Protein backbone atom coordinates (compact mmCIF):
# COMPACT_ATOMS: atom_id res chain seq x y z
CA MET A 1 10.63 85.44 89.44
CA SER A 2 8.27 87.48 87.24
CA ASP A 3 8.76 87.96 83.52
CA ALA A 4 9.67 91.58 84.11
CA GLU A 5 12.32 90.59 86.65
CA LYS A 6 13.67 87.92 84.34
CA GLY A 7 13.86 90.53 81.62
CA ALA A 8 15.79 92.96 83.84
CA VAL A 9 18.25 90.32 84.99
CA GLY A 10 18.62 89.01 81.46
CA THR A 11 19.37 92.51 80.17
CA PHE A 12 21.96 92.99 82.91
CA LEU A 13 23.72 89.71 82.15
CA GLU A 14 23.63 90.35 78.43
CA GLU A 15 25.01 93.89 78.54
CA ILE A 16 28.00 93.48 80.87
CA ASP A 17 31.54 93.17 79.65
CA PRO A 18 32.40 90.02 81.65
CA ILE A 19 36.13 90.73 81.98
CA VAL A 20 35.89 94.39 83.02
CA PHE A 21 32.87 93.80 85.26
CA ALA A 22 34.31 90.71 86.92
CA PHE A 23 37.77 92.10 87.62
CA GLY A 24 36.47 95.55 88.57
CA ALA A 25 33.85 94.07 90.89
CA LEU A 26 36.17 91.45 92.38
CA LEU A 27 38.85 94.05 93.06
CA THR A 28 36.57 96.48 94.88
CA VAL A 29 34.30 93.92 96.55
CA GLY A 30 37.45 91.99 97.54
CA VAL A 31 38.77 95.03 99.41
CA ILE A 32 35.39 95.42 101.15
CA GLY A 33 35.34 91.74 102.11
CA THR A 34 38.92 91.80 103.38
CA PHE A 35 38.04 94.77 105.58
CA PHE A 36 35.46 92.74 107.47
CA ILE A 37 37.87 89.80 107.82
CA ASN A 38 41.11 91.64 108.63
CA GLN A 39 40.76 95.39 109.11
CA SER A 40 44.42 95.94 110.03
CA LEU A 41 45.59 94.28 106.80
CA VAL A 42 43.57 96.71 104.70
CA GLU A 43 44.75 99.65 106.77
CA ASN A 44 48.45 98.67 106.55
CA THR A 45 48.24 97.95 102.81
CA ILE A 46 46.69 101.36 102.11
CA SER A 47 49.39 103.07 104.19
CA THR A 48 52.24 101.22 102.45
CA LEU A 49 50.94 101.89 98.93
CA ASN A 50 50.38 105.53 99.79
CA THR A 51 54.00 105.90 100.96
CA VAL A 52 55.36 104.26 97.80
CA MET A 53 53.27 106.46 95.51
CA LEU A 54 54.34 109.67 97.24
CA GLU A 55 58.02 108.73 97.35
CA TYR A 56 58.44 107.70 93.72
CA LEU A 57 55.67 109.32 91.68
CA ASN A 58 55.08 112.77 93.19
CA TRP A 59 57.28 114.55 90.61
CA ALA A 60 55.57 112.72 87.75
CA LEU A 61 52.11 113.83 88.83
CA LEU A 62 53.21 117.47 89.02
CA ALA A 63 54.91 117.42 85.61
CA ILE A 64 52.11 115.55 83.83
CA VAL A 65 49.31 117.78 85.13
CA PHE A 66 51.26 120.90 84.15
CA ALA A 67 51.79 119.55 80.62
CA ILE A 68 48.08 118.81 80.27
CA VAL A 69 47.15 122.36 81.31
CA VAL A 70 49.50 123.80 78.68
CA PHE A 71 48.10 121.51 75.98
CA LEU A 72 44.47 122.42 76.73
CA LEU A 73 45.26 126.12 76.63
CA PHE A 74 46.87 125.49 73.24
CA LEU A 75 43.72 123.69 72.02
CA ILE A 76 41.58 126.68 72.93
CA VAL A 77 43.55 129.08 70.73
CA SER A 78 44.76 126.74 67.97
CA PRO A 79 42.97 125.66 64.77
CA TRP A 80 42.67 122.17 66.24
CA GLY A 81 39.94 123.60 68.46
CA LYS A 82 37.60 123.66 65.45
CA LEU A 83 37.40 119.87 65.32
CA ARG A 84 34.02 118.58 66.46
CA PHE A 85 32.57 115.65 68.39
CA GLY A 86 30.52 114.19 65.53
CA ASP A 87 28.29 115.99 63.06
CA ASP A 88 25.10 116.23 65.13
CA PRO A 89 24.03 119.44 66.90
CA PRO A 90 24.75 119.65 70.66
CA GLU A 91 22.39 117.65 72.86
CA TYR A 92 22.07 120.30 75.58
CA SER A 93 22.13 124.07 75.85
CA PHE A 94 25.47 125.59 76.82
CA LEU A 95 24.21 126.52 80.31
CA SER A 96 22.97 122.98 81.00
CA PHE A 97 26.18 121.57 79.53
CA PHE A 98 28.26 123.80 81.80
CA ALA A 99 26.13 123.06 84.88
CA MET A 100 26.38 119.28 84.35
CA LEU A 101 30.11 119.40 83.62
CA TYR A 102 30.74 121.48 86.73
CA SER A 103 28.41 119.59 89.07
CA ALA A 104 29.52 116.17 87.90
CA GLY A 105 33.18 117.08 88.16
CA PHE A 106 34.49 118.34 91.45
CA ALA A 107 31.93 120.86 92.71
CA ALA A 108 31.26 118.90 95.92
CA GLY A 109 34.95 119.29 96.79
CA VAL A 110 34.82 122.99 95.94
CA VAL A 111 31.97 123.53 98.38
CA PHE A 112 33.51 121.31 101.07
CA TRP A 113 36.92 123.01 101.03
CA GLY A 114 35.65 126.53 100.21
CA PRO A 115 35.76 128.08 103.68
CA THR A 116 38.55 125.84 105.00
CA GLU A 117 41.56 125.39 102.77
CA ALA A 118 42.93 128.95 102.84
CA LEU A 119 43.05 128.75 106.64
CA PHE A 120 45.61 125.94 106.47
CA TYR A 121 47.84 127.94 104.10
CA TYR A 122 47.38 131.04 106.25
CA ASP A 123 48.67 129.05 109.23
CA ASN A 124 51.27 127.04 107.27
CA PRO A 125 52.16 128.84 104.02
CA SER A 126 53.82 126.96 101.19
CA PRO A 127 57.62 126.90 101.65
CA LEU A 128 57.79 128.25 98.10
CA PHE A 129 56.83 131.67 99.52
CA ASP A 130 58.81 133.53 102.13
CA VAL A 131 55.94 134.65 104.35
CA GLY A 132 55.32 134.14 108.05
CA SER A 133 52.50 132.13 109.57
CA GLN A 134 49.25 134.03 110.24
CA THR A 135 50.64 137.35 108.97
CA GLY A 136 49.10 139.89 106.61
CA PRO A 137 51.11 138.67 103.57
CA ALA A 138 50.08 135.10 104.39
CA MET A 139 46.44 136.02 103.73
CA SER A 140 47.04 136.75 100.06
CA VAL A 141 49.35 133.75 99.61
CA ALA A 142 46.73 131.51 101.23
CA ILE A 143 44.04 132.52 98.71
CA GLN A 144 46.53 132.34 95.84
CA GLN A 145 47.50 128.77 96.74
CA THR A 146 43.84 127.77 97.10
CA LEU A 147 42.94 129.18 93.69
CA PHE A 148 45.87 127.34 92.15
CA HIS A 149 44.74 124.03 93.63
CA TRP A 150 41.13 124.38 92.53
CA ALA A 151 41.24 126.18 89.19
CA LEU A 152 42.97 125.04 85.99
CA PRO A 153 45.05 121.96 86.95
CA GLN A 154 42.40 119.79 88.64
CA LEU A 155 39.89 120.59 85.92
CA ALA A 156 42.43 119.87 83.19
CA VAL A 157 42.73 116.13 83.91
CA PHE A 158 38.94 115.71 83.62
CA THR A 159 38.85 117.66 80.40
CA ILE A 160 41.70 115.89 78.62
CA MET A 161 40.01 112.54 79.19
CA GLY A 162 36.66 113.90 78.03
CA ILE A 163 38.15 115.21 74.80
CA ALA A 164 40.16 112.04 74.13
CA ILE A 165 37.20 109.71 74.73
CA GLY A 166 34.53 111.80 73.02
CA TYR A 167 36.47 112.77 69.91
CA PHE A 168 37.24 109.20 68.87
CA ALA A 169 33.90 107.75 70.04
CA TYR A 170 31.81 110.21 68.03
CA ASN A 171 33.98 110.42 64.91
CA TYR A 172 35.00 106.83 64.24
CA GLU A 173 33.06 103.66 63.61
CA ASN A 174 33.31 100.87 66.15
CA VAL A 175 34.94 103.05 68.81
CA PRO A 176 32.82 102.66 71.98
CA LEU A 177 32.14 105.30 74.59
CA ARG A 178 34.53 103.99 77.25
CA VAL A 179 37.76 105.06 78.92
CA SER A 180 40.12 102.90 76.86
CA SER A 181 38.88 104.68 73.72
CA ALA A 182 40.95 107.68 74.84
CA LEU A 183 44.00 105.69 73.74
CA THR A 184 42.68 104.88 70.24
CA PRO A 185 45.68 106.42 68.41
CA VAL A 186 48.09 104.48 70.63
CA LEU A 187 46.33 101.11 70.90
CA GLY A 188 44.80 101.14 67.43
CA LYS A 189 41.07 101.00 66.72
CA GLU A 190 41.25 97.27 66.07
CA ASN A 191 42.72 96.60 69.55
CA LEU A 192 40.08 98.32 71.71
CA ASP A 193 38.82 94.92 72.84
CA GLY A 194 42.33 93.64 73.49
CA PRO A 195 44.14 92.98 76.79
CA ALA A 196 45.66 96.45 77.11
CA ALA A 197 42.28 98.16 76.66
CA LYS A 198 40.70 95.81 79.22
CA VAL A 199 43.42 96.66 81.75
CA ILE A 200 42.76 100.39 81.24
CA ASP A 201 39.02 99.95 81.74
CA ILE A 202 39.49 97.80 84.86
CA LEU A 203 41.91 100.38 86.28
CA ALA A 204 39.34 103.08 85.46
CA VAL A 205 36.64 101.26 87.42
CA PHE A 206 38.90 100.90 90.46
CA ALA A 207 40.14 104.51 90.26
CA THR A 208 36.59 105.86 89.98
CA ILE A 209 35.36 103.88 92.98
CA GLY A 210 38.34 105.09 95.05
CA GLY A 211 38.06 108.71 93.94
CA VAL A 212 34.33 109.11 94.35
CA ALA A 213 34.29 107.14 97.61
CA THR A 214 36.85 109.68 98.86
CA SER A 215 34.42 112.51 98.12
CA LEU A 216 31.45 110.66 99.60
CA GLY A 217 33.55 110.12 102.71
CA PHE A 218 34.39 113.82 102.96
CA ILE A 219 30.75 114.80 102.61
CA GLY A 220 29.65 112.15 105.11
CA SER A 221 32.23 113.36 107.60
CA GLN A 222 30.97 116.93 107.12
CA PHE A 223 27.50 115.84 108.20
CA VAL A 224 28.62 113.68 111.11
CA SER A 225 31.15 116.19 112.48
CA GLY A 226 28.92 119.16 111.78
CA LEU A 227 25.98 117.69 113.66
CA ASN A 228 28.24 116.86 116.59
CA TYR A 229 29.94 120.27 116.65
CA GLN A 230 26.90 122.46 116.19
CA TRP A 231 24.14 120.51 117.90
CA GLY A 232 26.00 117.92 120.02
CA ILE A 233 24.63 114.94 118.08
CA ASP A 234 27.25 112.17 118.13
CA LEU A 235 26.30 109.45 115.63
CA GLY A 236 29.51 107.37 115.81
CA ASN A 237 30.31 104.67 113.25
CA ALA A 238 26.65 103.72 112.97
CA GLY A 239 25.90 107.31 112.02
CA ILE A 240 28.60 107.27 109.37
CA ILE A 241 27.03 104.22 107.77
CA LEU A 242 23.55 105.79 108.06
CA VAL A 243 24.64 109.06 106.42
CA VAL A 244 26.54 107.30 103.63
CA THR A 245 23.62 104.92 103.03
CA THR A 246 21.17 107.81 102.78
CA MET A 247 23.37 109.65 100.30
CA THR A 248 23.86 106.46 98.32
CA LEU A 249 20.08 106.04 98.04
CA LEU A 250 19.68 109.65 96.91
CA PHE A 251 22.30 109.57 94.17
CA THR A 252 21.16 106.13 93.03
CA LEU A 253 17.61 107.48 92.63
CA SER A 254 18.91 110.45 90.64
CA MET A 255 20.99 108.11 88.49
CA VAL A 256 18.06 105.79 87.74
CA LEU A 257 15.99 108.80 86.62
CA GLY A 258 18.55 109.36 83.86
CA VAL A 259 20.70 112.24 82.63
CA ASP A 260 17.83 114.52 81.60
CA LYS A 261 15.37 114.02 84.47
CA GLY A 262 17.99 113.48 87.16
CA ILE A 263 21.46 114.90 86.57
CA ARG A 264 20.56 117.84 84.32
CA ARG A 265 17.77 119.22 86.49
CA LEU A 266 19.65 118.78 89.74
CA SER A 267 22.78 120.36 88.22
CA ASN A 268 20.82 123.44 87.14
CA PHE A 269 19.35 123.75 90.65
CA ASN A 270 22.82 123.35 92.19
CA MET A 271 24.23 126.25 90.24
CA ILE A 272 21.38 128.56 91.32
CA LEU A 273 21.90 127.70 94.99
CA PHE A 274 25.69 127.92 94.54
CA VAL A 275 25.49 131.47 93.14
CA THR A 276 22.95 132.53 95.79
CA LEU A 277 25.13 131.38 98.69
CA LEU A 278 28.21 132.89 97.06
CA LEU A 279 26.61 136.32 96.64
CA ALA A 280 25.14 136.28 100.15
CA THR A 281 28.54 135.48 101.66
CA PHE A 282 30.23 138.20 99.61
CA ILE A 283 27.64 140.83 100.56
CA LEU A 284 27.57 140.02 104.28
CA GLY A 285 31.34 139.49 104.43
CA PRO A 286 34.15 142.06 104.04
CA SER A 287 33.23 142.84 100.42
CA ILE A 288 35.83 145.51 99.59
CA PHE A 289 38.59 143.56 101.29
CA LEU A 290 37.61 140.44 99.33
CA VAL A 291 37.83 142.32 96.03
CA MET A 292 41.32 143.59 96.84
CA LEU A 293 42.48 140.25 98.26
CA GLY A 294 41.08 138.35 95.30
CA THR A 295 42.65 140.65 92.73
CA GLN A 296 46.06 140.27 94.36
CA ALA A 297 45.69 136.48 94.70
CA ILE A 298 44.69 136.03 91.04
CA GLY A 299 47.66 138.12 89.94
CA GLY A 300 49.98 136.06 92.13
CA MET A 301 48.59 132.79 90.80
CA ILE A 302 49.21 133.87 87.21
CA THR A 303 52.71 135.14 87.98
CA ASP A 304 53.78 132.10 89.99
CA PHE A 305 51.82 129.45 88.07
CA VAL A 306 54.82 127.59 86.65
CA ALA A 307 56.74 127.62 89.93
CA MET A 308 53.70 126.41 91.89
CA SER A 309 52.97 123.70 89.31
CA LEU A 310 56.43 122.17 89.49
CA PHE A 311 57.24 122.72 93.18
CA THR A 312 58.33 119.35 94.60
CA GLY A 313 59.85 120.83 97.74
CA ALA A 314 63.28 119.38 97.01
CA GLY A 315 66.02 121.11 99.01
CA VAL A 316 63.54 123.11 101.08
CA GLU A 317 62.99 122.19 104.71
CA GLY A 318 59.54 120.63 104.99
CA GLY A 319 58.92 121.36 101.31
CA THR A 320 58.43 117.80 100.07
CA GLU A 321 56.06 116.93 102.90
CA TRP A 322 54.05 120.09 102.23
CA ALA A 323 53.86 119.44 98.48
CA ASN A 324 52.83 115.80 99.02
CA THR A 325 50.21 116.69 101.61
CA TRP A 326 48.53 119.30 99.43
CA THR A 327 49.37 119.64 95.74
CA VAL A 328 50.26 116.01 95.02
CA PHE A 329 47.22 114.79 96.94
CA TYR A 330 44.89 117.10 95.01
CA TRP A 331 46.32 116.08 91.65
CA ALA A 332 46.00 112.38 92.58
CA TRP A 333 42.43 112.93 93.77
CA ALA A 334 41.55 114.66 90.51
CA LEU A 335 43.26 111.92 88.51
CA SER A 336 41.23 109.26 90.33
CA TRP A 337 38.12 111.13 89.15
CA SER A 338 39.41 111.57 85.59
CA PRO A 339 38.09 108.26 84.16
CA PHE A 340 34.50 108.86 85.20
CA ALA A 341 34.55 112.65 84.80
CA GLY A 342 36.12 112.31 81.36
CA LEU A 343 33.61 109.65 80.31
CA PHE A 344 30.72 111.77 81.55
CA ILE A 345 32.08 114.88 79.80
CA ALA A 346 32.32 112.85 76.60
CA ARG A 347 28.76 111.57 77.15
CA ILE A 348 27.28 115.11 77.22
CA SER A 349 29.63 116.73 74.64
CA ARG A 350 28.33 115.22 71.41
CA GLY A 351 28.08 117.89 68.71
CA ARG A 352 30.42 120.37 70.42
CA SER A 353 33.84 121.46 69.23
CA VAL A 354 37.11 120.59 70.91
CA ARG A 355 37.52 124.30 71.68
CA GLU A 356 34.13 124.48 73.41
CA VAL A 357 34.85 121.48 75.60
CA ALA A 358 38.37 122.64 76.48
CA PHE A 359 37.17 126.19 77.22
CA THR A 360 34.25 125.04 79.35
CA GLY A 361 36.36 122.41 81.10
CA ILE A 362 39.14 124.67 82.35
CA VAL A 363 38.19 128.33 81.81
CA ALA A 364 34.43 128.59 82.42
CA THR A 365 34.58 126.25 85.42
CA SER A 366 37.56 128.14 86.85
CA ALA A 367 35.56 131.37 86.48
CA ALA A 368 32.88 129.84 88.72
CA THR A 369 35.34 128.35 91.21
CA ILE A 370 37.61 131.34 91.82
CA PRO A 371 34.91 133.71 93.25
CA TRP A 372 33.74 130.96 95.61
CA PHE A 373 37.14 130.47 97.20
CA ILE A 374 37.82 134.20 97.33
CA SER A 375 34.49 134.89 99.07
CA LEU A 376 34.33 131.97 101.50
CA GLY A 377 38.05 131.35 102.00
CA GLY A 378 38.83 135.05 102.14
CA THR A 379 36.06 135.67 104.68
CA ALA A 380 37.29 132.85 106.93
CA VAL A 381 40.90 134.10 106.82
CA TRP A 382 39.75 137.69 107.46
CA MET A 383 37.67 136.56 110.44
CA GLN A 384 40.61 134.63 111.91
CA HIS A 385 43.08 137.47 111.31
CA ASN A 386 40.79 140.01 112.96
CA GLY A 387 39.57 137.82 115.83
CA ILE A 388 35.94 137.74 114.66
CA ALA A 389 35.83 133.94 114.63
CA ASP A 390 38.23 131.36 116.03
CA PHE A 391 39.39 128.60 113.67
CA SER A 392 42.55 127.77 115.64
CA GLU A 393 41.35 124.25 116.50
CA VAL A 394 40.70 123.55 112.83
CA MET A 395 44.14 124.82 111.81
CA ALA A 396 45.69 122.68 114.55
CA PHE A 397 43.75 119.64 113.26
CA GLU A 398 41.98 119.30 116.59
CA LEU A 399 38.67 119.86 114.82
CA GLY A 400 37.91 118.46 111.38
CA ALA A 401 37.97 120.68 108.32
CA GLU A 402 34.26 119.99 107.93
CA THR A 403 33.46 122.22 110.94
CA THR A 404 34.85 125.41 109.40
CA GLY A 405 31.65 126.32 107.60
CA PHE A 406 29.68 126.03 110.83
CA ILE A 407 32.10 128.29 112.71
CA MET A 408 32.14 130.89 109.94
CA PHE A 409 28.41 131.03 109.26
CA ASP A 410 27.70 131.13 113.00
CA ALA A 411 29.16 134.67 112.94
CA PHE A 412 26.70 135.71 110.20
CA PRO A 413 23.16 137.04 110.67
CA LEU A 414 20.76 134.11 110.21
CA GLY A 415 23.75 131.81 110.61
CA THR A 416 21.64 128.66 110.97
CA VAL A 417 20.02 129.33 107.59
CA PHE A 418 23.47 129.61 106.00
CA MET A 419 24.61 126.38 107.67
CA ILE A 420 21.61 124.44 106.40
CA ALA A 421 21.99 125.88 102.89
CA PHE A 422 25.71 125.02 102.94
CA MET A 423 25.10 121.41 103.99
CA PHE A 424 22.31 121.05 101.46
CA LEU A 425 24.52 122.42 98.67
CA VAL A 426 27.34 120.01 99.50
CA THR A 427 24.87 117.14 99.45
CA THR A 428 23.18 118.03 96.14
CA PHE A 429 26.51 118.67 94.44
CA PHE A 430 27.75 115.33 95.63
CA ILE A 431 24.61 113.58 94.41
CA THR A 432 25.23 114.85 90.87
CA SER A 433 28.87 113.79 91.12
CA ALA A 434 28.06 110.36 92.50
CA ASP A 435 25.21 109.53 90.14
CA SER A 436 27.21 110.57 87.09
CA SER A 437 30.23 108.60 88.32
CA THR A 438 28.16 105.50 88.98
CA LEU A 439 26.60 105.88 85.53
CA ALA A 440 30.13 106.08 84.13
CA VAL A 441 31.25 102.92 85.95
CA SER A 442 28.17 101.15 84.62
CA MET A 443 29.12 102.30 81.12
CA MET A 444 32.69 101.08 81.64
CA THR A 445 31.49 97.62 82.63
CA THR A 446 29.08 97.25 79.70
CA GLY A 447 31.59 97.93 76.95
CA GLY A 448 30.48 101.54 76.49
CA LYS A 449 26.67 101.24 76.53
CA ALA A 450 25.21 104.73 76.96
CA HIS A 451 22.19 103.54 78.96
CA PRO A 452 23.18 100.65 81.28
CA SER A 453 20.45 98.71 83.08
CA ASN A 454 19.22 99.83 86.49
CA ILE A 455 20.55 96.64 88.11
CA ASN A 456 24.05 97.53 86.93
CA ARG A 457 23.75 101.12 88.16
CA ILE A 458 22.37 100.11 91.56
CA PHE A 459 25.10 97.47 92.07
CA TRP A 460 27.87 100.01 91.59
CA GLY A 461 26.06 102.59 93.71
CA VAL A 462 26.01 100.15 96.64
CA VAL A 463 29.69 99.25 96.14
CA LEU A 464 30.63 102.93 96.11
CA GLY A 465 28.69 103.67 99.29
CA MET A 466 30.20 100.72 101.18
CA THR A 467 33.72 101.71 100.11
CA ALA A 468 33.21 105.23 101.42
CA ALA A 469 31.88 103.99 104.76
CA ILE A 470 34.86 101.66 105.19
CA LEU A 471 37.37 104.41 104.45
CA MET A 472 35.72 106.73 106.96
CA ILE A 473 35.69 104.07 109.68
CA LEU A 474 39.30 103.09 108.93
CA GLY A 475 40.83 106.48 109.44
CA GLY A 476 38.66 109.35 108.34
CA VAL A 477 40.34 112.00 106.21
CA ASP A 478 43.79 110.31 106.26
CA ALA A 479 42.40 107.06 104.86
CA LEU A 480 40.36 108.97 102.28
CA GLN A 481 43.44 110.89 101.10
CA SER A 482 45.49 107.70 100.88
CA ALA A 483 42.80 105.97 98.82
CA ALA A 484 42.69 108.88 96.38
CA ILE A 485 46.48 108.86 95.91
CA ILE A 486 46.65 105.08 95.42
CA THR A 487 43.88 104.98 92.81
CA GLY A 488 44.72 108.26 91.09
CA ALA A 489 48.49 108.19 90.69
CA PRO A 490 48.60 105.39 88.09
CA PHE A 491 45.99 107.19 86.01
CA ALA A 492 48.36 110.12 85.57
CA PHE A 493 50.14 108.05 82.96
CA VAL A 494 46.89 107.14 81.21
CA CYS A 495 46.01 110.84 80.93
CA PHE A 496 49.51 111.62 79.66
CA ILE A 497 49.37 108.90 76.99
CA ALA A 498 45.89 110.10 75.98
CA MET A 499 47.28 113.61 75.51
CA LEU A 500 50.17 112.28 73.40
CA GLY A 501 47.67 110.28 71.34
CA LEU A 502 45.63 113.41 70.62
CA ILE A 503 48.76 115.30 69.59
CA LYS A 504 49.79 112.45 67.31
CA HIS A 505 46.36 112.19 65.71
CA PHE A 506 45.67 115.91 65.32
CA SER A 507 49.10 116.57 63.86
CA SER A 508 48.84 113.74 61.31
CA THR A 509 45.22 113.88 60.08
CA GLU A 510 42.44 116.44 60.56
CA GLY A 511 44.54 118.78 62.64
CA ARG A 512 47.30 118.99 60.05
CA LEU A 513 44.81 120.03 57.38
CA LEU A 514 43.35 122.69 59.64
CA LEU A 515 46.76 124.08 60.41
CA GLN A 516 47.46 124.31 56.68
CA GLU A 517 44.14 125.87 55.75
CA GLU A 518 42.06 127.25 58.60
CA THR A 519 39.10 128.02 56.39
CA VAL A 520 38.56 124.38 55.37
CA LEU A 521 35.31 122.98 56.75
CA ILE A 522 35.92 120.36 59.42
CA GLY A 523 33.63 117.87 57.76
CA SER A 524 35.58 117.93 54.52
CA SER A 525 38.81 117.10 56.33
CA ARG A 526 37.57 113.80 57.76
CA LYS A 527 38.38 110.41 56.41
CA PRO A 528 35.51 108.52 54.76
CA GLU A 529 35.13 106.25 57.76
CA THR A 530 34.23 109.23 59.96
CA GLU A 531 31.48 110.63 57.75
CA SER A 532 28.76 108.52 59.33
CA PRO A 533 29.71 107.88 62.94
CA SER A 534 28.01 104.83 64.34
CA GLY A 535 28.57 102.01 66.76
CA PRO A 536 28.30 102.18 70.54
CA GLY A 537 30.13 105.50 70.76
CA GLY A 538 28.17 107.13 67.95
CA ALA A 539 24.75 106.08 69.07
CA VAL A 540 24.17 107.95 72.31
CA GLU A 541 20.46 108.55 72.65
CA THR A 542 18.74 111.53 74.20
CA ASP A 543 15.96 109.73 76.04
CA ASP A 544 15.81 109.29 79.78
CA ASP A 545 16.60 105.60 80.13
């Protein structure tokens, strides 16, 4: 072994948090190993855990996510929003900050479900609304439900974790940049290396692997099914592993390049391609109809927001099954992403105010998401309603959701160009999500180090790719959804406790002073220990390690 290799391995061994790394690695690698030994055991365990989570925790997920949305909206308009993440100026421009936050959050899911989801609600509207299947009124309700699922609530769970982690990491000495730091007011600063904090960080590693593997599986299935549907190329299980491996190599390369050279540049490119495809679809689609449909759907979402947020389906025939299949699944999926997305948001938010992060996290990102679903989802529903394209096999679950984009764009002029651009956009968005999530897991397993070694990053990239391939082979979309619910549901309570901790801290220290005197400078309201932030959380560098 060369000196350079010894140095790399030595750095890796020196930087890891042995407890978090060992338990996080053993848990995920153990599942992978068990799959190869006894596939049915893994499959049955996932199914059982999924059933338990949906039966006993569905109401909690709905209530917690709704409470988080309300709290973030309050932060945007309240004096607490003036509080800042440290005293340094922001690391990135607002546009780069927004592009990274959006790309590293859930943009791959936005692109994947963009043309598809409204079709399912058009065919099977939520029991909350008294509209018939595949009718005119169902078109508006379908877009309304889609916007609800992909706007404020999903984004809120990422944002609350980002604020909770970043605020304490950048303003207090000896508070590292890791997930357990979100619970600083609850655990106590002196207990962030204690057993409870370790459990939170281990749970965060497992949830992140499950959540991001779910997304990688969706994207992989889009490629495999799309190639088979459009060009008759059937890759089988070997193809699934090939596609997932290729994507794993791509996002690992981006991750090794670092935040500035990799994630930032790719995120900026993603947003340009995203807007281009959005505008092209809007212009070539039923533009005037989309404007009217979108206006009505946005109004309905605002009017019915509380009812949709808390709809468990109790007492309504088929209501609970519908709510579990869609809303509860989406909230659990988002919650499984919340540890890594929150940690990454905290990583890029140094120098910004709480208001800026909250606004960007739920308002600015929603403003980008809503037009996408109106344009692509609305066009697909319009085509189905008017017989221009046939999505009946997709709505009947005879074809996978991943084929919808191919069917829709096939009806467009230069349809093949649109299909290629769509697949490329899904891939690049996922790469930014996967590399930032793997970076976050590496940070979690090194005690909050902002620039983990390449060996650490590559290890977790391989684990993530293998997990995704296994889930796809096990049962495709059903297995992916189950994995997201199992890993995400427990984190609902971590997000809720983090929110309560922020309320407790803001109302008893800096926030109380701001409420009393809004003109007081934020810096003058800090305790002496926060005047010179340092330690692992206060020492994030701006180089490209």
